[in-house]
Amino acid sequence: MNFEEIKISSKEERDQFIELVIADDLIDDLYESIKKFDNPHGNRLAWVMTSISDKNDQILSKYVDDLITWLPGIKTQGIKRSLLRGLIHCPLSIDKEGEWVEFLFDILSSSETDIAVKVHSMELLSKYCEKYPELSQELIIILEDALPYYSAAGKVRAKRILKKFSN
């Protein structure tokens, strides 16, 4: 299937496309296409992938170690937001956990990153902090410093994570 020609501009079109991707077992093809488009089209494809992962929260699991090889170079914030959101329920990377931790801290520290991307990053990073408690102090410092600048949703998530690690 040529994902370049796919037009998705509404939830209805997205849902029809999801049915096609699932019926024809094109999830790997969809994933590979997302990697090719660092633009609004890639964002729409990532939206589809995240919508599929909402139905099967482990769908992105097999891509976790590959994602870290190309996601840091993506400039389209919506792609990062969608894919990080889809990873929330996946097992953490073991082989590339150092790269993930560094990438997630970089996102939280960047003034260029959208708050929605930061929210999903802090959630993923908190999972690594559960595994490696020594990382939690750095996460606490970053979240406390940035808290006044977060949106309402960002503040809620940050406060929940701060409460979790401040004990």
C-alpha atoms as a PDB file:
ATOM      1  CA  MET A   1       0.000   0.000   0.000  1.00  0.00           C
ATOM      2  CA  ASN A   2       1.228   3.476  -0.804  1.00  0.00           C
ATOM      3  CA  PHE A   3       0.854   5.425   2.440  1.00  0.00           C
ATOM      4  CA  GLU A   4       1.931   8.592   0.648  1.00  0.00           C
ATOM      5  CA  GLU A   5      -1.429   8.846  -1.055  1.00  0.00           C
ATOM      6  CA  ILE A   6      -3.533   8.285   2.070  1.00  0.00           C
ATOM      7  CA  LYS A   7      -5.605  11.310   3.027  1.00  0.00           C
ATOM      8  CA  ILE A   8      -6.695  11.474   6.659  1.00  0.00           C
ATOM      9  CA  SER A   9      -8.308  14.665   7.847  1.00  0.00           C
ATOM     10  CA  SER A  10     -11.137  13.474  10.083  1.00  0.00           C
ATOM     11  CA  LYS A  11     -11.790  10.849  12.735  1.00  0.00           C
ATOM     12  CA  GLU A  12     -14.108   9.071  10.326  1.00  0.00           C
ATOM     13  CA  GLU A  13     -11.361   8.795   7.673  1.00  0.00           C
ATOM     14  CA  ARG A  14      -8.881   7.748  10.356  1.00  0.00           C
ATOM     15  CA  ASP A  15     -11.202   5.011  11.614  1.00  0.00           C
ATOM     16  CA  GLN A  16     -11.794   3.708   8.075  1.00  0.00           C
ATOM     17  CA  PHE A  17      -8.056   3.641   7.494  1.00  0.00           C
ATOM     18  CA  ILE A  18      -7.502   1.820  10.804  1.00  0.00           C
ATOM     19  CA  GLU A  19      -9.936  -0.889   9.708  1.00  0.00           C
ATOM     20  CA  LEU A  20      -7.996  -1.297   6.462  1.00  0.00           C
ATOM     21  CA  VAL A  21      -4.595  -1.417   8.217  1.00  0.00           C
ATOM     22  CA  ILE A  22      -5.793  -4.034  10.686  1.00  0.00           C
ATOM     23  CA  ALA A  23      -7.706  -6.125   8.127  1.00  0.00           C
ATOM     24  CA  ASP A  24      -4.753  -6.216   5.717  1.00  0.00           C
ATOM     25  CA  ASP A  25      -2.146  -6.623   8.500  1.00  0.00           C
ATOM     26  CA  LEU A  26      -0.297  -3.454   7.471  1.00  0.00           C
ATOM     27  CA  ILE A  27       0.900  -2.283  10.892  1.00  0.00           C
ATOM     28  CA  ASP A  28       4.579  -2.844  10.049  1.00  0.00           C
ATOM     29  CA  ASP A  29       4.096  -0.924   6.798  1.00  0.00           C
ATOM     30  CA  LEU A  30       2.356   1.889   8.658  1.00  0.00           C
ATOM     31  CA  TYR A  31       5.217   2.083  11.155  1.00  0.00           C
ATOM     32  CA  GLU A  32       7.818   2.229   8.368  1.00  0.00           C
ATOM     33  CA  SER A  33       5.829   4.962   6.612  1.00  0.00           C
ATOM     34  CA  ILE A  34       5.718   7.123   9.733  1.00  0.00           C
ATOM     35  CA  LYS A  35       9.519   7.086   9.736  1.00  0.00           C
ATOM     36  CA  LYS A  36       9.583   8.531   6.200  1.00  0.00           C
ATOM     37  CA  PHE A  37       7.405  11.586   6.821  1.00  0.00           C
ATOM     38  CA  ASP A  38       8.658  14.212   9.272  1.00  0.00           C
ATOM     39  CA  ASN A  39       5.739  16.470   8.410  1.00  0.00           C
ATOM     40  CA  PRO A  40       1.970  16.786   8.961  1.00  0.00           C
ATOM     41  CA  HIS A  41       1.349  13.666   6.869  1.00  0.00           C
ATOM     42  CA  GLY A  42       3.603  11.662   9.203  1.00  0.00           C
ATOM     43  CA  ASN A  43       1.738  13.211  12.103  1.00  0.00           C
ATOM     44  CA  ARG A  44      -1.573  11.890  10.735  1.00  0.00           C
ATOM     45  CA  LEU A  45      -0.046   8.431  10.230  1.00  0.00           C
ATOM     46  CA  ALA A  46       1.269   8.503  13.810  1.00  0.00           C
ATOM     47  CA  TRP A  47      -2.235   9.493  14.944  1.00  0.00           C
ATOM     48  CA  VAL A  48      -3.507   6.335  13.247  1.00  0.00           C
ATOM     49  CA  MET A  49      -0.839   4.211  14.940  1.00  0.00           C
ATOM     50  CA  THR A  50      -1.693   5.663  18.340  1.00  0.00           C
ATOM     51  CA  SER A  51      -5.389   5.047  17.749  1.00  0.00           C
ATOM     52  CA  ILE A  52      -4.560   1.421  16.962  1.00  0.00           C
ATOM     53  CA  SER A  53      -2.457   1.228  20.136  1.00  0.00           C
ATOM     54  CA  ASP A  54      -5.458   2.552  22.101  1.00  0.00           C
ATOM     55  CA  LYS A  55      -7.212  -0.688  21.109  1.00  0.00           C
ATOM     56  CA  ASN A  56      -4.135  -2.885  21.567  1.00  0.00           C
ATOM     57  CA  ASP A  57      -1.780  -1.181  23.998  1.00  0.00           C
ATOM     58  CA  GLN A  58       1.102  -3.542  23.179  1.00  0.00           C
ATOM     59  CA  ILE A  59       1.115  -2.872  19.422  1.00  0.00           C
ATOM     60  CA  LEU A  60       4.155  -0.571  19.673  1.00  0.00           C
ATOM     61  CA  SER A  61       6.117  -2.931  21.940  1.00  0.00           C
ATOM     62  CA  LYS A  62       8.053  -4.536  19.114  1.00  0.00           C
ATOM     63  CA  TYR A  63       9.188  -1.113  17.876  1.00  0.00           C
ATOM     64  CA  VAL A  64      10.472   0.316  21.178  1.00  0.00           C
ATOM     65  CA  ASP A  65      14.170  -0.240  20.481  1.00  0.00           C
ATOM     66  CA  ASP A  66      13.852   0.949  16.876  1.00  0.00           C
ATOM     67  CA  LEU A  67      11.905   4.080  17.850  1.00  0.00           C
ATOM     68  CA  ILE A  68      14.816   5.431  19.864  1.00  0.00           C
ATOM     69  CA  THR A  69      17.056   5.261  16.799  1.00  0.00           C
ATOM     70  CA  TRP A  70      14.992   7.764  14.775  1.00  0.00           C
ATOM     71  CA  LEU A  71      12.458   9.511  17.012  1.00  0.00           C
ATOM     72  CA  PRO A  72      14.995  11.948  18.540  1.00  0.00           C
ATOM     73  CA  GLY A  73      15.688  13.327  15.047  1.00  0.00           C
ATOM     74  CA  ILE A  74      12.023  14.004  14.282  1.00  0.00           C
ATOM     75  CA  LYS A  75      11.057  17.674  14.304  1.00  0.00           C
ATOM     76  CA  THR A  76       7.274  17.224  14.030  1.00  0.00           C
ATOM     77  CA  GLN A  77       6.027  17.436  17.609  1.00  0.00           C
ATOM     78  CA  GLY A  78       2.776  15.602  16.821  1.00  0.00           C
ATOM     79  CA  ILE A  79       4.672  12.489  15.759  1.00  0.00           C
ATOM     80  CA  LYS A  80       6.604  12.472  19.024  1.00  0.00           C
ATOM     81  CA  ARG A  81       3.440  13.140  21.022  1.00  0.00           C
ATOM     82  CA  SER A  82       1.496  10.328  19.379  1.00  0.00           C
ATOM     83  CA  LEU A  83       4.199   7.704  19.548  1.00  0.00           C
ATOM     84  CA  LEU A  84       5.240   8.514  23.116  1.00  0.00           C
ATOM     85  CA  ARG A  85       1.587   8.369  24.149  1.00  0.00           C
ATOM     86  CA  GLY A  86       1.323   4.970  22.504  1.00  0.00           C
ATOM     87  CA  LEU A  87       4.365   3.715  24.410  1.00  0.00           C
ATOM     88  CA  ILE A  88       2.997   4.515  27.878  1.00  0.00           C
ATOM     89  CA  HIS A  89       1.596   1.000  28.361  1.00  0.00           C
ATOM     90  CA  CYS A  90       4.435  -0.861  26.642  1.00  0.00           C
ATOM     91  CA  PRO A  91       7.285  -2.529  28.490  1.00  0.00           C
ATOM     92  CA  LEU A  92      10.350  -0.328  28.864  1.00  0.00           C
ATOM     93  CA  SER A  93      13.295  -0.841  26.568  1.00  0.00           C
ATOM     94  CA  ILE A  94      16.002  -2.940  28.145  1.00  0.00           C
ATOM     95  CA  ASP A  95      18.585  -2.928  25.350  1.00  0.00           C
ATOM     96  CA  LYS A  96      18.420   0.828  24.772  1.00  0.00           C
ATOM     97  CA  GLU A  97      17.246   2.129  28.125  1.00  0.00           C
ATOM     98  CA  GLY A  98      20.174   4.559  28.410  1.00  0.00           C
ATOM     99  CA  GLU A  99      19.230   6.186  25.113  1.00  0.00           C
ATOM    100  CA  TRP A 100      15.578   6.375  26.171  1.00  0.00           C
ATOM    101  CA  VAL A 101      16.362   7.956  29.531  1.00  0.00           C
ATOM    102  CA  GLU A 102      18.629  10.537  27.913  1.00  0.00           C
ATOM    103  CA  PHE A 103      16.065  11.308  25.200  1.00  0.00           C
ATOM    104  CA  LEU A 104      13.226  11.698  27.707  1.00  0.00           C
ATOM    105  CA  PHE A 105      15.286  13.997  29.940  1.00  0.00           C
ATOM    106  CA  ASP A 106      16.262  16.034  26.861  1.00  0.00           C
ATOM    107  CA  ILE A 107      12.581  16.464  25.983  1.00  0.00           C
ATOM    108  CA  LEU A 108      11.721  17.637  29.484  1.00  0.00           C
ATOM    109  CA  SER A 109      14.637  20.082  29.516  1.00  0.00           C
ATOM    110  CA  SER A 110      13.941  21.590  26.100  1.00  0.00           C
ATOM    111  CA  SER A 111      12.067  24.859  25.799  1.00  0.00           C
ATOM    112  CA  GLU A 112      11.315  23.914  22.162  1.00  0.00           C
ATOM    113  CA  THR A 113       9.202  20.896  23.054  1.00  0.00           C
ATOM    114  CA  ASP A 114       5.400  21.074  23.186  1.00  0.00           C
ATOM    115  CA  ILE A 115       3.852  20.443  26.595  1.00  0.00           C
ATOM    116  CA  ALA A 116       1.915  17.389  25.352  1.00  0.00           C
ATOM    117  CA  VAL A 117       5.183  15.743  24.328  1.00  0.00           C
ATOM    118  CA  LYS A 118       6.640  16.604  27.744  1.00  0.00           C
ATOM    119  CA  VAL A 119       3.634  15.118  29.539  1.00  0.00           C
ATOM    120  CA  HIS A 120       4.090  11.738  27.844  1.00  0.00           C
ATOM    121  CA  SER A 121       7.854  11.946  28.344  1.00  0.00           C
ATOM    122  CA  MET A 122       7.529  12.552  32.078  1.00  0.00           C
ATOM    123  CA  GLU A 123       5.168   9.599  32.331  1.00  0.00           C
ATOM    124  CA  LEU A 124       7.617   7.294  30.548  1.00  0.00           C
ATOM    125  CA  LEU A 125      10.541   8.678  32.509  1.00  0.00           C
ATOM    126  CA  SER A 126       8.714   8.055  35.775  1.00  0.00           C
ATOM    127  CA  LYS A 127       8.564   4.377  34.807  1.00  0.00           C
ATOM    128  CA  TYR A 128      12.358   4.366  34.442  1.00  0.00           C
ATOM    129  CA  CYS A 129      12.641   6.143  37.805  1.00  0.00           C
ATOM    130  CA  GLU A 130      10.664   3.327  39.416  1.00  0.00           C
ATOM    131  CA  LYS A 131      13.254   0.925  38.040  1.00  0.00           C
ATOM    132  CA  TYR A 132      16.208   3.213  38.814  1.00  0.00           C
ATOM    133  CA  PRO A 133      15.284   5.338  41.851  1.00  0.00           C
ATOM    134  CA  GLU A 134      18.533   7.310  41.610  1.00  0.00           C
ATOM    135  CA  LEU A 135      17.095   9.037  38.507  1.00  0.00           C
ATOM    136  CA  SER A 136      14.092  10.357  40.394  1.00  0.00           C
ATOM    137  CA  GLN A 137      15.968  13.264  41.992  1.00  0.00           C
ATOM    138  CA  GLU A 138      16.850  14.683  38.581  1.00  0.00           C
ATOM    139  CA  LEU A 139      13.247  14.248  37.446  1.00  0.00           C
ATOM    140  CA  ILE A 140      11.991  16.028  40.572  1.00  0.00           C
ATOM    141  CA  ILE A 141      14.299  18.995  39.972  1.00  0.00           C
ATOM    142  CA  ILE A 142      13.255  19.366  36.332  1.00  0.00           C
ATOM    143  CA  LEU A 143       9.543  19.101  37.114  1.00  0.00           C
ATOM    144  CA  GLU A 144       9.679  21.526  40.046  1.00  0.00           C
ATOM    145  CA  ASP A 145      11.543  24.102  37.956  1.00  0.00           C
ATOM    146  CA  ALA A 146       9.163  23.803  35.007  1.00  0.00           C
ATOM    147  CA  LEU A 147       5.898  23.474  36.931  1.00  0.00           C
ATOM    148  CA  PRO A 148       4.932  27.174  36.749  1.00  0.00           C
ATOM    149  CA  TYR A 149       5.206  27.081  32.954  1.00  0.00           C
ATOM    150  CA  TYR A 150       3.111  23.982  32.330  1.00  0.00           C
ATOM    151  CA  SER A 151      -0.487  23.990  31.167  1.00  0.00           C
ATOM    152  CA  ALA A 152      -3.184  22.793  33.553  1.00  0.00           C
ATOM    153  CA  ALA A 153      -2.878  19.214  32.261  1.00  0.00           C
ATOM    154  CA  GLY A 154       0.910  19.355  32.493  1.00  0.00           C
ATOM    155  CA  LYS A 155       0.728  20.608  36.075  1.00  0.00           C
ATOM    156  CA  VAL A 156      -1.637  17.825  37.096  1.00  0.00           C
ATOM    157  CA  ARG A 157       0.621  15.142  35.635  1.00  0.00           C
ATOM    158  CA  ALA A 158       3.795  16.707  37.020  1.00  0.00           C
ATOM    159  CA  LYS A 159       2.295  17.064  40.510  1.00  0.00           C
ATOM    160  CA  ARG A 160       1.180  13.445  40.488  1.00  0.00           C
ATOM    161  CA  ILE A 161       4.687  12.314  39.539  1.00  0.00           C
ATOM    162  CA  LEU A 162       6.291  14.671  42.073  1.00  0.00           C
ATOM    163  CA  LYS A 163       4.067  13.277  44.810  1.00  0.00           C
ATOM    164  CA  LYS A 164       5.012   9.744  43.803  1.00  0.00           C
ATOM    165  CA  PHE A 165       8.766  10.392  44.072  1.00  0.00           C
ATOM    166  CA  SER A 166       8.889  12.979  46.868  1.00  0.00           C
ATOM    167  CA  ASN A 167       8.181  10.474  49.633  1.00  0.00           C
END
